[in-house]
C-alpha cells in the first residue's frame, strides 16, 4: 500500500501520483475561478459607482447648460429693452432741442476729425 500526503498533510492510501496532481490542479483552478469571480464582483461594483458618478456629472452639466441658455435668452430680451429705451430717449431729446443736437453732433464730428489728423 502506497502512502502519500496531500497539500493539507492528509495521508492518502493507494493513491496514484497522476490523480493527486490532477486533484491539485483542479483545486488550484477552482481557487483561481473563485478569486476571478471575487475580482469581477468588485470591479462590477466599482464600475457601477463610476457610472453613477458620471451620470451625476452629466446631469449637473446639463442643468448648468440649461440655466446658462435661459440666462442668455433673458439677456437678449433685456438688451432689446435697453435699446428701445435709449432710442426713445434720444428721439425725445432730439425733438425737444433739435438745434442743440445738431450743433453738438457738428462739434463732436469736428473733434473726431482733428483727432484723426494727429
PDB file of N, CA and C in Angstrom:
ATOM      1  N   UNK A   1       0.834  -1.163   0.000  1.00  0.00           N
ATOM      2  CA  UNK A   1       0.000   0.000   0.000  1.00  0.00           C
ATOM      3  C   UNK A   1       0.887   1.238   0.000  1.00  0.00           C
ATOM      4  N   UNK A   2       0.635   2.131  -0.937  1.00  0.00           N
ATOM      5  CA  UNK A   2       1.446   3.329  -1.085  1.00  0.00           C
ATOM      6  C   UNK A   2       0.816   4.465  -0.289  1.00  0.00           C
ATOM      7  N   UNK A   3       1.619   5.182   0.454  1.00  0.00           N
ATOM      8  CA  UNK A   3       1.100   6.272   1.272  1.00  0.00           C
ATOM      9  C   UNK A   3       1.724   7.578   0.799  1.00  0.00           C
ATOM     10  N   UNK A   4       0.857   8.539   0.547  1.00  0.00           N
ATOM     11  CA  UNK A   4       1.335   9.865   0.147  1.00  0.00           C
ATOM     12  C   UNK A   4       0.579  10.901   0.952  1.00  0.00           C
ATOM     13  N   UNK A   5       1.100  12.100   0.929  1.00  0.00           N
ATOM     14  CA  UNK A   5       0.411  13.181   1.630  1.00  0.00           C
ATOM     15  C   UNK A   5      -0.045  14.232   0.621  1.00  0.00           C
ATOM     16  N   UNK A   6      -1.145  14.902   0.945  1.00  0.00           N
ATOM     17  CA  UNK A   6      -1.647  15.978   0.088  1.00  0.00           C
ATOM     18  C   UNK A   6      -1.118  17.294   0.639  1.00  0.00           C
ATOM     19  N   UNK A   7      -1.529  18.403   0.004  1.00  0.00           N
ATOM     20  CA  UNK A   7      -1.089  19.717   0.452  1.00  0.00           C
ATOM     21  C   UNK A   7      -1.478  19.974   1.898  1.00  0.00           C
ATOM     22  N   UNK A   8      -2.627  19.492   2.315  1.00  0.00           N
ATOM     23  CA  UNK A   8      -3.089  19.721   3.684  1.00  0.00           C
ATOM     24  C   UNK A   8      -2.393  18.830   4.695  1.00  0.00           C
ATOM     25  N   UNK A   9      -1.627  17.861   4.215  1.00  0.00           N
ATOM     26  CA  UNK A   9      -0.917  16.978   5.130  1.00  0.00           C
ATOM     27  C   UNK A   9      -1.670  15.697   5.409  1.00  0.00           C
ATOM     28  N   UNK A  10      -2.816  15.450   4.754  1.00  0.00           N
ATOM     29  CA  UNK A  10      -3.581  14.221   4.982  1.00  0.00           C
ATOM     30  C   UNK A  10      -2.922  13.081   4.226  1.00  0.00           C
ATOM     31  N   UNK A  11      -2.939  11.900   4.829  1.00  0.00           N
ATOM     32  CA  UNK A  11      -2.400  10.722   4.175  1.00  0.00           C
ATOM     33  C   UNK A  11      -3.462  10.103   3.301  1.00  0.00           C
ATOM     34  N   UNK A  12      -3.078   9.719   2.086  1.00  0.00           N
ATOM     35  CA  UNK A  12      -3.996   9.046   1.185  1.00  0.00           C
ATOM     36  C   UNK A  12      -3.385   7.702   0.848  1.00  0.00           C
ATOM     37  N   UNK A  13      -4.138   6.663   1.068  1.00  0.00           N
ATOM     38  CA  UNK A  13      -3.643   5.320   0.800  1.00  0.00           C
ATOM     39  C   UNK A  13      -3.969   4.932  -0.627  1.00  0.00           C
ATOM     40  N   UNK A  14      -3.073   4.165  -1.252  1.00  0.00           N
ATOM     41  CA  UNK A  14      -3.230   3.655  -2.602  1.00  0.00           C
ATOM     42  C   UNK A  14      -3.594   4.771  -3.592  1.00  0.00           C
ATOM     43  N   UNK A  15      -2.883   5.879  -3.583  1.00  0.00           N
ATOM     44  CA  UNK A  15      -3.154   6.984  -4.493  1.00  0.00           C
ATOM     45  C   UNK A  15      -2.166   6.958  -5.628  1.00  0.00           C
ATOM     46  N   UNK A  16      -2.673   7.299  -6.777  1.00  0.00           N
ATOM     47  CA  UNK A  16      -1.859   7.403  -7.965  1.00  0.00           C
ATOM     48  C   UNK A  16      -1.307   8.824  -8.011  1.00  0.00           C
ATOM     49  N   UNK A  17      -0.020   9.030  -8.229  1.00  0.00           N
ATOM     50  CA  UNK A  17       0.549  10.373  -8.253  1.00  0.00           C
ATOM     51  C   UNK A  17      -0.076  11.248  -9.341  1.00  0.00           C
ATOM     52  N   UNK A  18      -0.484  10.678 -10.449  1.00  0.00           N
ATOM     53  CA  UNK A  18      -1.114  11.446 -11.521  1.00  0.00           C
ATOM     54  C   UNK A  18      -2.469  11.960 -11.045  1.00  0.00           C
ATOM     55  N   UNK A  19      -3.230  11.105 -10.332  1.00  0.00           N
ATOM     56  CA  UNK A  19      -4.518  11.529  -9.800  1.00  0.00           C
ATOM     57  C   UNK A  19      -4.344  12.654  -8.776  1.00  0.00           C
ATOM     58  N   UNK A  20      -3.301  12.526  -7.946  1.00  0.00           N
ATOM     59  CA  UNK A  20      -3.036  13.572  -6.955  1.00  0.00           C
ATOM     60  C   UNK A  20      -2.697  14.896  -7.633  1.00  0.00           C
ATOM     61  N   UNK A  21      -1.889  14.856  -8.665  1.00  0.00           N
ATOM     62  CA  UNK A  21      -1.527  16.075  -9.383  1.00  0.00           C
ATOM     63  C   UNK A  21      -2.758  16.674 -10.049  1.00  0.00           C
ATOM     64  N   UNK A  22      -3.618  15.835 -10.631  1.00  0.00           N
ATOM     65  CA  UNK A  22      -4.853  16.317 -11.250  1.00  0.00           C
ATOM     66  C   UNK A  22      -5.767  16.958 -10.228  1.00  0.00           C
ATOM     67  N   UNK A  23      -5.841  16.362  -9.042  1.00  0.00           N
ATOM     68  CA  UNK A  23      -6.678  16.916  -7.988  1.00  0.00           C
ATOM     69  C   UNK A  23      -6.122  18.260  -7.523  1.00  0.00           C
ATOM     70  N   UNK A  24      -4.800  18.344  -7.413  1.00  0.00           N
ATOM     71  CA  UNK A  24      -4.193  19.612  -7.017  1.00  0.00           C
ATOM     72  C   UNK A  24      -4.436  20.688  -8.068  1.00  0.00           C
ATOM     73  N   UNK A  25      -4.297  20.311  -9.328  1.00  0.00           N
ATOM     74  CA  UNK A  25      -4.532  21.267 -10.414  1.00  0.00           C
ATOM     75  C   UNK A  25      -5.996  21.705 -10.408  1.00  0.00           C
ATOM     76  N   UNK A  26      -6.892  20.744 -10.210  1.00  0.00           N
ATOM     77  CA  UNK A  26      -8.325  21.075 -10.160  1.00  0.00           C
ATOM     78  C   UNK A  26      -8.627  22.008  -8.994  1.00  0.00           C
ATOM     79  N   UNK A  27      -8.030  21.763  -7.851  1.00  0.00           N
ATOM     80  CA  UNK A  27      -8.227  22.626  -6.687  1.00  0.00           C
ATOM     81  C   UNK A  27      -7.686  24.030  -6.945  1.00  0.00           C
ATOM     82  N   UNK A  28      -6.526  24.095  -7.570  1.00  0.00           N
ATOM     83  CA  UNK A  28      -5.947  25.398  -7.887  1.00  0.00           C
ATOM     84  C   UNK A  28      -6.823  26.135  -8.895  1.00  0.00           C
ATOM     85  N   UNK A  29      -7.364  25.414  -9.877  1.00  0.00           N
ATOM     86  CA  UNK A  29      -8.235  26.036 -10.872  1.00  0.00           C
ATOM     87  C   UNK A  29      -9.496  26.575 -10.210  1.00  0.00           C
ATOM     88  N   UNK A  30     -10.070  25.798  -9.292  1.00  0.00           N
ATOM     89  CA  UNK A  30     -11.267  26.267  -8.598  1.00  0.00           C
ATOM     90  C   UNK A  30     -10.961  27.501  -7.746  1.00  0.00           C
ATOM     91  N   UNK A  31      -9.820  27.518  -7.099  1.00  0.00           N
ATOM     92  CA  UNK A  31      -9.423  28.683  -6.302  1.00  0.00           C
ATOM     93  C   UNK A  31      -9.236  29.890  -7.221  1.00  0.00           C
ATOM     94  N   UNK A  32      -8.636  29.675  -8.382  1.00  0.00           N
ATOM     95  CA  UNK A  32      -8.442  30.770  -9.337  1.00  0.00           C
ATOM     96  C   UNK A  32      -9.792  31.287  -9.826  1.00  0.00           C
ATOM     97  N   UNK A  33     -10.726  30.371 -10.076  1.00  0.00           N
ATOM     98  CA  UNK A  33     -12.070  30.786 -10.512  1.00  0.00           C
ATOM     99  C   UNK A  33     -12.760  31.615  -9.414  1.00  0.00           C
ATOM    100  N   UNK A  34     -12.649  31.154  -8.174  1.00  0.00           N
ATOM    101  CA  UNK A  34     -13.259  31.912  -7.077  1.00  0.00           C
ATOM    102  C   UNK A  34     -12.638  33.300  -6.955  1.00  0.00           C
ATOM    103  N   UNK A  35     -11.324  33.370  -7.075  1.00  0.00           N
ATOM    104  CA  UNK A  35     -10.632  34.659  -6.997  1.00  0.00           C
ATOM    105  C   UNK A  35     -11.050  35.558  -8.154  1.00  0.00           C
ATOM    106  N   UNK A  36     -11.129  34.987  -9.355  1.00  0.00           N
ATOM    107  CA  UNK A  36     -11.559  35.779 -10.522  1.00  0.00           C
ATOM    108  C   UNK A  36     -12.985  36.281 -10.333  1.00  0.00           C
ATOM    109  N   UNK A  37     -13.858  35.444  -9.780  1.00  0.00           N
ATOM    110  CA  UNK A  37     -15.239  35.870  -9.530  1.00  0.00           C
ATOM    111  C   UNK A  37     -15.290  37.014  -8.504  1.00  0.00           C
ATOM    112  N   UNK A  38     -14.476  36.915  -7.449  1.00  0.00           N
ATOM    113  CA  UNK A  38     -14.440  37.984  -6.450  1.00  0.00           C
ATOM    114  C   UNK A  38     -13.952  39.290  -7.078  1.00  0.00           C
ATOM    115  N   UNK A  39     -12.912  39.198  -7.885  1.00  0.00           N
ATOM    116  CA  UNK A  39     -12.375  40.394  -8.542  1.00  0.00           C
ATOM    117  C   UNK A  39     -13.410  40.985  -9.494  1.00  0.00           C
ATOM    118  N   UNK A  40     -14.093  40.116 -10.244  1.00  0.00           N
ATOM    119  CA  UNK A  40     -15.120  40.603 -11.170  1.00  0.00           C
ATOM    120  C   UNK A  40     -16.262  41.280 -10.421  1.00  0.00           C
ATOM    121  N   UNK A  41     -16.662  40.702  -9.292  1.00  0.00           N
ATOM    122  CA  UNK A  41     -17.725  41.321  -8.487  1.00  0.00           C
ATOM    123  C   UNK A  41     -17.300  42.698  -7.986  1.00  0.00           C
ATOM    124  N   UNK A  42     -16.067  42.794  -7.514  1.00  0.00           N
ATOM    125  CA  UNK A  42     -15.570  44.087  -7.033  1.00  0.00           C
ATOM    126  C   UNK A  42     -15.469  45.085  -8.186  1.00  0.00           C
ATOM    127  N   UNK A  43     -14.990  44.613  -9.328  1.00  0.00           N
ATOM    128  CA  UNK A  43     -14.867  45.507 -10.488  1.00  0.00           C
ATOM    129  C   UNK A  43     -16.241  45.983 -10.949  1.00  0.00           C
ATOM    130  N   UNK A  44     -17.216  45.076 -10.930  1.00  0.00           N
ATOM    131  CA  UNK A  44     -18.570  45.447 -11.326  1.00  0.00           C
ATOM    132  C   UNK A  44     -19.129  46.513 -10.388  1.00  0.00           C
ATOM    133  N   UNK A  45     -18.901  46.339  -9.100  1.00  0.00           N
ATOM    134  CA  UNK A  45     -19.378  47.329  -8.132  1.00  0.00           C
ATOM    135  C   UNK A  45     -18.698  48.670  -8.365  1.00  0.00           C
ATOM    136  N   UNK A  46     -17.399  48.648  -8.649  1.00  0.00           N
ATOM    137  CA  UNK A  46     -16.676  49.895  -8.901  1.00  0.00           C
ATOM    138  C   UNK A  46     -17.165  50.552 -10.189  1.00  0.00           C
ATOM    139  N   UNK A  47     -17.412  49.766 -11.215  1.00  0.00           N
ATOM    140  CA  UNK A  47     -17.930  50.315 -12.477  1.00  0.00           C
ATOM    141  C   UNK A  47     -19.307  50.925 -12.246  1.00  0.00           C
ATOM    142  N   UNK A  48     -20.133  50.264 -11.449  1.00  0.00           N
ATOM    143  CA  UNK A  48     -21.456  50.815 -11.140  1.00  0.00           C
ATOM    144  C   UNK A  48     -21.335  52.155 -10.427  1.00  0.00           C
ATOM    145  N   UNK A  49     -20.431  52.237  -9.446  1.00  0.00           N
ATOM    146  CA  UNK A  49     -20.234  53.505  -8.732  1.00  0.00           C
ATOM    147  C   UNK A  49     -19.717  54.574  -9.679  1.00  0.00           C
ATOM    148  N   UNK A  50     -18.774  54.202 -10.547  1.00  0.00           N
ATOM    149  CA  UNK A  50     -18.229  55.166 -11.503  1.00  0.00           C
ATOM    150  C   UNK A  50     -19.302  55.627 -12.472  1.00  0.00           C
ATOM    151  N   UNK A  51     -20.144  54.705 -12.920  1.00  0.00           N
ATOM    152  CA  UNK A  51     -21.216  55.051 -13.839  1.00  0.00           C
ATOM    153  C   UNK A  51     -22.180  56.028 -13.191  1.00  0.00           C
ATOM    154  N   UNK A  52     -22.514  55.781 -11.935  1.00  0.00           N
ATOM    155  CA  UNK A  52     -23.411  56.694 -11.221  1.00  0.00           C
ATOM    156  C   UNK A  52     -22.784  58.077 -11.090  1.00  0.00           C
ATOM    157  N   UNK A  53     -21.486  58.126 -10.800  1.00  0.00           N
ATOM    158  CA  UNK A  53     -20.799  59.414 -10.662  1.00  0.00           C
ATOM    159  C   UNK A  53     -20.790  60.158 -11.999  1.00  0.00           C
ATOM    160  N   UNK A  54     -20.556  59.437 -13.073  1.00  0.00           N
ATOM    161  CA  UNK A  54     -20.548  60.068 -14.399  1.00  0.00           C
ATOM    162  C   UNK A  54     -21.943  60.577 -14.746  1.00  0.00           C
ATOM    163  N   UNK A  55     -22.958  59.804 -14.434  1.00  0.00           N
ATOM    164  CA  UNK A  55     -24.332  60.242 -14.703  1.00  0.00           C
ATOM    165  C   UNK A  55     -24.662  61.516 -13.911  1.00  0.00           C
ATOM    166  N   UNK A  56     -24.241  61.549 -12.652  1.00  0.00           N
ATOM    167  CA  UNK A  56     -24.485  62.753 -11.846  1.00  0.00           C
ATOM    168  C   UNK A  56     -23.763  63.954 -12.448  1.00  0.00           C
ATOM    169  N   UNK A  57     -22.532  63.746 -12.903  1.00  0.00           N
ATOM    170  CA  UNK A  57     -21.767  64.845 -13.501  1.00  0.00           C
ATOM    171  C   UNK A  57     -22.425  65.332 -14.790  1.00  0.00           C
ATOM    172  N   UNK A  58     -22.888  64.409 -15.613  1.00  0.00           N
ATOM    173  CA  UNK A  58     -23.552  64.789 -16.866  1.00  0.00           C
ATOM    174  C   UNK A  58     -24.849  65.529 -16.563  1.00  0.00           C
ATOM    175  N   UNK A  59     -25.604  65.044 -15.588  1.00  0.00           N
ATOM    176  CA  UNK A  59     -26.845  65.733 -15.204  1.00  0.00           C
ATOM    177  C   UNK A  59     -26.553  67.145 -14.703  1.00  0.00           C
ATOM    178  N   UNK A  60     -25.512  67.283 -13.903  1.00  0.00           N
ATOM    179  CA  UNK A  60     -25.127  68.605 -13.405  1.00  0.00           C
ATOM    180  C   UNK A  60     -24.719  69.534 -14.535  1.00  0.00           C
ATOM    181  N   UNK A  61     -23.953  69.016 -15.500  1.00  0.00           N
ATOM    182  CA  UNK A  61     -23.539  69.837 -16.642  1.00  0.00           C
ATOM    183  C   UNK A  61     -24.742  70.225 -17.490  1.00  0.00           C
ATOM    184  N   UNK A  62     -25.670  69.295 -17.666  1.00  0.00           N
ATOM    185  CA  UNK A  62     -26.874  69.611 -18.443  1.00  0.00           C
ATOM    186  C   UNK A  62     -27.710  70.677 -17.741  1.00  0.00           C
ATOM    187  N   UNK A  63     -27.828  70.574 -16.427  1.00  0.00           N
ATOM    188  CA  UNK A  63     -28.572  71.598 -15.675  1.00  0.00           C
ATOM    189  C   UNK A  63     -27.900  72.960 -15.801  1.00  0.00           C
ATOM    190  N   UNK A  64     -26.571  72.977 -15.697  1.00  0.00           N
ATOM    191  CA  UNK A  64     -25.839  74.243 -15.821  1.00  0.00           C
ATOM    192  C   UNK A  64     -26.004  74.826 -17.220  1.00  0.00           C
ATOM    193  N   UNK A  65     -25.951  73.977 -18.243  1.00  0.00           N
ATOM    194  CA  UNK A  65     -26.115  74.460 -19.618  1.00  0.00           C
ATOM    195  C   UNK A  65     -27.523  74.999 -19.841  1.00  0.00           C
ATOM    196  N   UNK A  66     -28.506  74.336 -19.265  1.00  0.00           N
ATOM    197  CA  UNK A  66     -29.887  74.798 -19.408  1.00  0.00           C
ATOM    198  C   UNK A  66     -30.078  76.154 -18.747  1.00  0.00           C
ATOM    199  N   UNK A  67     -29.552  76.306 -17.531  1.00  0.00           N
ATOM    200  CA  UNK A  67     -29.712  77.593 -16.856  1.00  0.00           C
ATOM    201  C   UNK A  67     -28.922  78.686 -17.572  1.00  0.00           C
ATOM    202  N   UNK A  68     -27.769  78.355 -18.149  1.00  0.00           N
ATOM    203  CA  UNK A  68     -26.998  79.346 -18.906  1.00  0.00           C
ATOM    204  C   UNK A  68     -27.750  79.762 -20.165  1.00  0.00           C
ATOM    205  N   UNK A  69     -28.396  78.811 -20.820  1.00  0.00           N
ATOM    206  CA  UNK A  69     -29.179  79.140 -22.015  1.00  0.00           C
ATOM    207  C   UNK A  69     -30.367  80.026 -21.659  1.00  0.00           C
ATOM    208  N   UNK A  70     -31.016  79.726 -20.550  1.00  0.00           N
ATOM    209  CA  UNK A  70     -32.131  80.570 -20.102  1.00  0.00           C
ATOM    210  C   UNK A  70     -31.644  81.976 -19.777  1.00  0.00           C
ATOM    211  N   UNK A  71     -30.496  82.069 -19.111  1.00  0.00           N
ATOM    212  CA  UNK A  71     -29.933  83.368 -18.776  1.00  0.00           C
ATOM    213  C   UNK A  71     -29.590  84.141 -20.055  1.00  0.00           C
ATOM    214  N   UNK A  72     -28.985  83.449 -21.036  1.00  0.00           N
ATOM    215  CA  UNK A  72     -28.616  84.111 -22.283  1.00  0.00           C
ATOM    216  C   UNK A  72     -29.850  84.616 -23.024  1.00  0.00           C
ATOM    217  N   UNK A  73     -30.935  83.863 -22.982  1.00  0.00           N
ATOM    218  CA  UNK A  73     -32.147  84.317 -23.671  1.00  0.00           C
ATOM    219  C   UNK A  73     -32.735  85.542 -22.977  1.00  0.00           C
ATOM    220  N   UNK A  74     -32.623  85.620 -21.663  1.00  0.00           N
ATOM    221  CA  UNK A  74     -33.133  86.808 -20.965  1.00  0.00           C
ATOM    222  C   UNK A  74     -32.233  88.009 -21.218  1.00  0.00           C
ATOM    223  N   UNK A  75     -30.934  87.783 -21.416  1.00  0.00           N
ATOM    224  CA  UNK A  75     -30.009  88.881 -21.694  1.00  0.00           C
ATOM    225  C   UNK A  75     -30.366  89.543 -23.025  1.00  0.00           C
ATOM    226  N   UNK A  76     -30.687  88.755 -24.033  1.00  0.00           N
ATOM    227  CA  UNK A  76     -31.040  89.347 -25.325  1.00  0.00           C
ATOM    228  C   UNK A  76     -32.332  90.158 -25.210  1.00  0.00           C
ATOM    229  N   UNK A  77     -33.275  89.657 -24.437  1.00  0.00           N
ATOM    230  CA  UNK A  77     -34.521  90.413 -24.229  1.00  0.00           C
ATOM    231  C   UNK A  77     -34.241  91.718 -23.480  1.00  0.00           C
ATOM    232  N   UNK A  78     -33.364  91.652 -22.490  1.00  0.00           N
ATOM    233  CA  UNK A  78     -33.006  92.857 -21.740  1.00  0.00           C
ATOM    234  C   UNK A  78     -32.266  93.848 -22.637  1.00  0.00           C
ATOM    235  N   UNK A  79     -31.390  93.355 -23.507  1.00  0.00           N
ATOM    236  CA  UNK A  79     -30.661  94.239 -24.420  1.00  0.00           C
ATOM    237  C   UNK A  79     -31.626  94.933 -25.382  1.00  0.00           C
ATOM    238  N   UNK A  80     -32.612  94.199 -25.862  1.00  0.00           N
ATOM    239  CA  UNK A  80     -33.617  94.816 -26.744  1.00  0.00           C
ATOM    240  C   UNK A  80     -34.393  95.905 -25.999  1.00  0.00           C
ATOM    241  N   UNK A  81     -34.725  95.649 -24.748  1.00  0.00           N
ATOM    242  CA  UNK A  81     -35.460  96.637 -23.950  1.00  0.00           C
ATOM    243  C   UNK A  81     -34.612  97.886 -23.720  1.00  0.00           C
ATOM    244  N   UNK A  82     -33.319  97.711 -23.435  1.00  0.00           N
ATOM    245  CA  UNK A  82     -32.424  98.845 -23.230  1.00  0.00           C
ATOM    246  C   UNK A  82     -32.283  99.639 -24.526  1.00  0.00           C
ATOM    247  N   UNK A  83     -32.136  98.935 -25.636  1.00  0.00           N
ATOM    248  CA  UNK A  83     -32.020  99.609 -26.932  1.00  0.00           C
ATOM    249  C   UNK A  83     -33.275 100.436 -27.223  1.00  0.00           C
ATOM    250  N   UNK A  84     -34.427  99.878 -26.948  1.00  0.00           N
ATOM    251  CA  UNK A  84     -35.685 100.592 -27.182  1.00  0.00           C
ATOM    252  C   UNK A  84     -35.756 101.848 -26.304  1.00  0.00           C
ATOM    253  N   UNK A  85     -35.377 101.715 -25.021  1.00  0.00           N
ATOM    254  CA  UNK A  85     -35.400 102.877 -24.121  1.00  0.00           C
ATOM    255  C   UNK A  85     -34.436 103.963 -24.578  1.00  0.00           C
ATOM    256  N   UNK A  86     -33.224 103.577 -24.991  1.00  0.00           N
ATOM    257  CA  UNK A  86     -32.242 104.562 -25.456  1.00  0.00           C
ATOM    258  C   UNK A  86     -32.716 105.259 -26.729  1.00  0.00           C
ATOM    259  N   UNK A  87     -33.293 104.492 -27.646  1.00  0.00           N
ATOM    260  CA  UNK A  87     -33.801 105.078 -28.894  1.00  0.00           C
ATOM    261  C   UNK A  87     -34.910 106.077 -28.592  1.00  0.00           C
ATOM    262  N   UNK A  88     -35.817 105.696 -27.721  1.00  0.00           N
ATOM    263  CA  UNK A  88     -36.915 106.606 -27.359  1.00  0.00           C
ATOM    264  C   UNK A  88     -36.392 107.846 -26.654  1.00  0.00           C
ATOM    265  N   UNK A  89     -35.405 107.676 -25.771  1.00  0.00           N
ATOM    266  CA  UNK A  89     -34.826 108.816 -25.056  1.00  0.00           C
ATOM    267  C   UNK A  89     -34.109 109.757 -26.025  1.00  0.00           C
ATOM    268  N   UNK A  90     -33.327 109.199 -26.957  1.00  0.00           N
ATOM    269  CA  UNK A  90     -32.618 110.030 -27.933  1.00  0.00           C
ATOM    270  C   UNK A  90     -33.611 110.755 -28.835  1.00  0.00           C
ATOM    271  N   UNK A  91     -34.643 110.068 -29.254  1.00  0.00           N
ATOM    272  CA  UNK A  91     -35.663 110.705 -30.100  1.00  0.00           C
ATOM    273  C   UNK A  91     -36.343 111.850 -29.361  1.00  0.00           C
ATOM    274  N   UNK A  92     -36.649 111.649 -28.106  1.00  0.00           N
ATOM    275  CA  UNK A  92     -37.301 112.695 -27.313  1.00  0.00           C
ATOM    276  C   UNK A  92     -36.379 113.898 -27.151  1.00  0.00           C
ATOM    277  N   UNK A  93     -35.091 113.655 -26.924  1.00  0.00           N
ATOM    278  CA  UNK A  93     -34.132 114.741 -26.759  1.00  0.00           C
ATOM    279  C   UNK A  93     -33.973 115.518 -28.068  1.00  0.00           C
ATOM    280  N   UNK A  94     -33.891 114.794 -29.191  1.00  0.00           N
ATOM    281  CA  UNK A  94     -33.738 115.456 -30.493  1.00  0.00           C
ATOM    282  C   UNK A  94     -34.974 116.284 -30.803  1.00  0.00           C
ATOM    283  N   UNK A  95     -36.157 115.784 -30.499  1.00  0.00           N
ATOM    284  CA  UNK A  95     -37.388 116.536 -30.742  1.00  0.00           C
ATOM    285  C   UNK A  95     -37.473 117.774 -29.845  1.00  0.00           C
ATOM    286  N   UNK A  96     -36.992 117.655 -28.617  1.00  0.00           N
ATOM    287  CA  UNK A  96     -37.074 118.774 -27.671  1.00  0.00           C
ATOM    288  C   UNK A  96     -36.068 119.875 -28.020  1.00  0.00           C
ATOM    289  N   UNK A  97     -34.861 119.518 -28.472  1.00  0.00           N
ATOM    290  CA  UNK A  97     -33.808 120.510 -28.773  1.00  0.00           C
ATOM    291  C   UNK A  97     -33.116 120.161 -30.087  1.00  0.00           C
ATOM    292  N   UNK A  98     -33.723 120.346 -31.211  1.00  0.00           N
ATOM    293  CA  UNK A  98     -33.119 119.949 -32.485  1.00  0.00           C
ATOM    294  C   UNK A  98     -31.870 120.759 -32.828  1.00  0.00           C
ATOM    295  N   UNK A  99     -31.837 122.042 -32.569  1.00  0.00           N
ATOM    296  CA  UNK A  99     -30.679 122.875 -32.933  1.00  0.00           C
ATOM    297  C   UNK A  99     -29.481 122.520 -32.052  1.00  0.00           C
ATOM    298  N   UNK A 100     -29.699 122.345 -30.774  1.00  0.00           N
ATOM    299  CA  UNK A 100     -28.608 121.973 -29.863  1.00  0.00           C
ATOM    300  C   UNK A 100     -28.059 120.598 -30.230  1.00  0.00           C
ATOM    301  N   UNK A 101     -28.910 119.689 -30.634  1.00  0.00           N
ATOM    302  CA  UNK A 101     -28.472 118.347 -31.017  1.00  0.00           C
ATOM    303  C   UNK A 101     -27.604 118.398 -32.254  1.00  0.00           C
ATOM    304  N   UNK A 102     -28.016 119.159 -33.261  1.00  0.00           N
ATOM    305  CA  UNK A 102     -27.233 119.274 -34.500  1.00  0.00           C
ATOM    306  C   UNK A 102     -25.909 119.954 -34.195  1.00  0.00           C
ATOM    307  N   UNK A 103     -25.912 121.011 -33.376  1.00  0.00           N
ATOM    308  CA  UNK A 103     -24.669 121.715 -33.018  1.00  0.00           C
ATOM    309  C   UNK A 103     -23.727 120.771 -32.268  1.00  0.00           C
ATOM    310  N   UNK A 104     -24.259 120.001 -31.363  1.00  0.00           N
ATOM    311  CA  UNK A 104     -23.444 119.034 -30.628  1.00  0.00           C
ATOM    312  C   UNK A 104     -22.848 117.990 -31.548  1.00  0.00           C
ATOM    313  N   UNK A 105     -23.631 117.493 -32.505  1.00  0.00           N
ATOM    314  CA  UNK A 105     -23.143 116.497 -33.450  1.00  0.00           C
ATOM    315  C   UNK A 105     -22.027 117.083 -34.312  1.00  0.00           C
ATOM    316  N   UNK A 106     -22.191 118.348 -34.748  1.00  0.00           N
ATOM    317  CA  UNK A 106     -21.152 119.000 -35.544  1.00  0.00           C
ATOM    318  C   UNK A 106     -19.867 119.160 -34.733  1.00  0.00           C
ATOM    319  N   UNK A 107     -19.980 119.564 -33.478  1.00  0.00           N
ATOM    320  CA  UNK A 107     -18.826 119.745 -32.622  1.00  0.00           C
ATOM    321  C   UNK A 107     -18.089 118.415 -32.399  1.00  0.00           C
ATOM    322  N   UNK A 108     -18.846 117.347 -32.122  1.00  0.00           N
ATOM    323  CA  UNK A 108     -18.238 116.017 -31.917  1.00  0.00           C
ATOM    324  C   UNK A 108     -17.549 115.561 -33.203  1.00  0.00           C
ATOM    325  N   UNK A 109     -18.178 115.797 -34.346  1.00  0.00           N
ATOM    326  CA  UNK A 109     -17.560 115.437 -35.620  1.00  0.00           C
ATOM    327  C   UNK A 109     -16.279 116.203 -35.863  1.00  0.00           C
ATOM    328  N   UNK A 110     -16.257 117.513 -35.536  1.00  0.00           N
ATOM    329  CA  UNK A 110     -15.055 118.340 -35.686  1.00  0.00           C
ATOM    330  C   UNK A 110     -13.928 117.799 -34.812  1.00  0.00           C
ATOM    331  N   UNK A 111     -14.246 117.458 -33.537  1.00  0.00           N
ATOM    332  CA  UNK A 111     -13.226 116.922 -32.624  1.00  0.00           C
ATOM    333  C   UNK A 111     -12.669 115.588 -33.127  1.00  0.00           C
ATOM    334  N   UNK A 112     -13.524 114.736 -33.602  1.00  0.00           N
ATOM    335  CA  UNK A 112     -13.067 113.433 -34.118  1.00  0.00           C
ATOM    336  C   UNK A 112     -12.178 113.629 -35.346  1.00  0.00           C
ATOM    337  N   UNK A 113     -12.533 114.607 -36.199  1.00  0.00           N
ATOM    338  CA  UNK A 113     -11.700 114.885 -37.367  1.00  0.00           C
ATOM    339  C   UNK A 113     -10.334 115.403 -36.971  1.00  0.00           C
ATOM    340  N   UNK A 114     -10.263 116.262 -35.972  1.00  0.00           N
ATOM    341  CA  UNK A 114      -8.973 116.781 -35.509  1.00  0.00           C
ATOM    342  C   UNK A 114      -8.133 115.663 -34.876  1.00  0.00           C
ATOM    343  N   UNK A 115      -8.786 114.808 -34.119  1.00  0.00           N
ATOM    344  CA  UNK A 115      -8.048 113.679 -33.507  1.00  0.00           C
ATOM    345  C   UNK A 115      -7.536 112.706 -34.557  1.00  0.00           C
ATOM    346  N   UNK A 116      -8.267 112.538 -35.629  1.00  0.00           N
ATOM    347  CA  UNK A 116      -7.859 111.618 -36.685  1.00  0.00           C
ATOM    348  C   UNK A 116      -6.627 112.124 -37.414  1.00  0.00           C
ATOM    349  N   UNK A 117      -6.412 113.434 -37.467  1.00  0.00           N
ATOM    350  CA  UNK A 117      -5.243 114.016 -38.158  1.00  0.00           C
ATOM    351  C   UNK A 117      -3.966 113.852 -37.348  1.00  0.00           C
ATOM    352  N   UNK A 118      -4.094 113.633 -36.048  1.00  0.00           N
ATOM    353  CA  UNK A 118      -2.891 113.525 -35.209  1.00  0.00           C
ATOM    354  C   UNK A 118      -2.203 112.252 -35.427  1.00  0.00           C
TER     355      UNK A 118
END
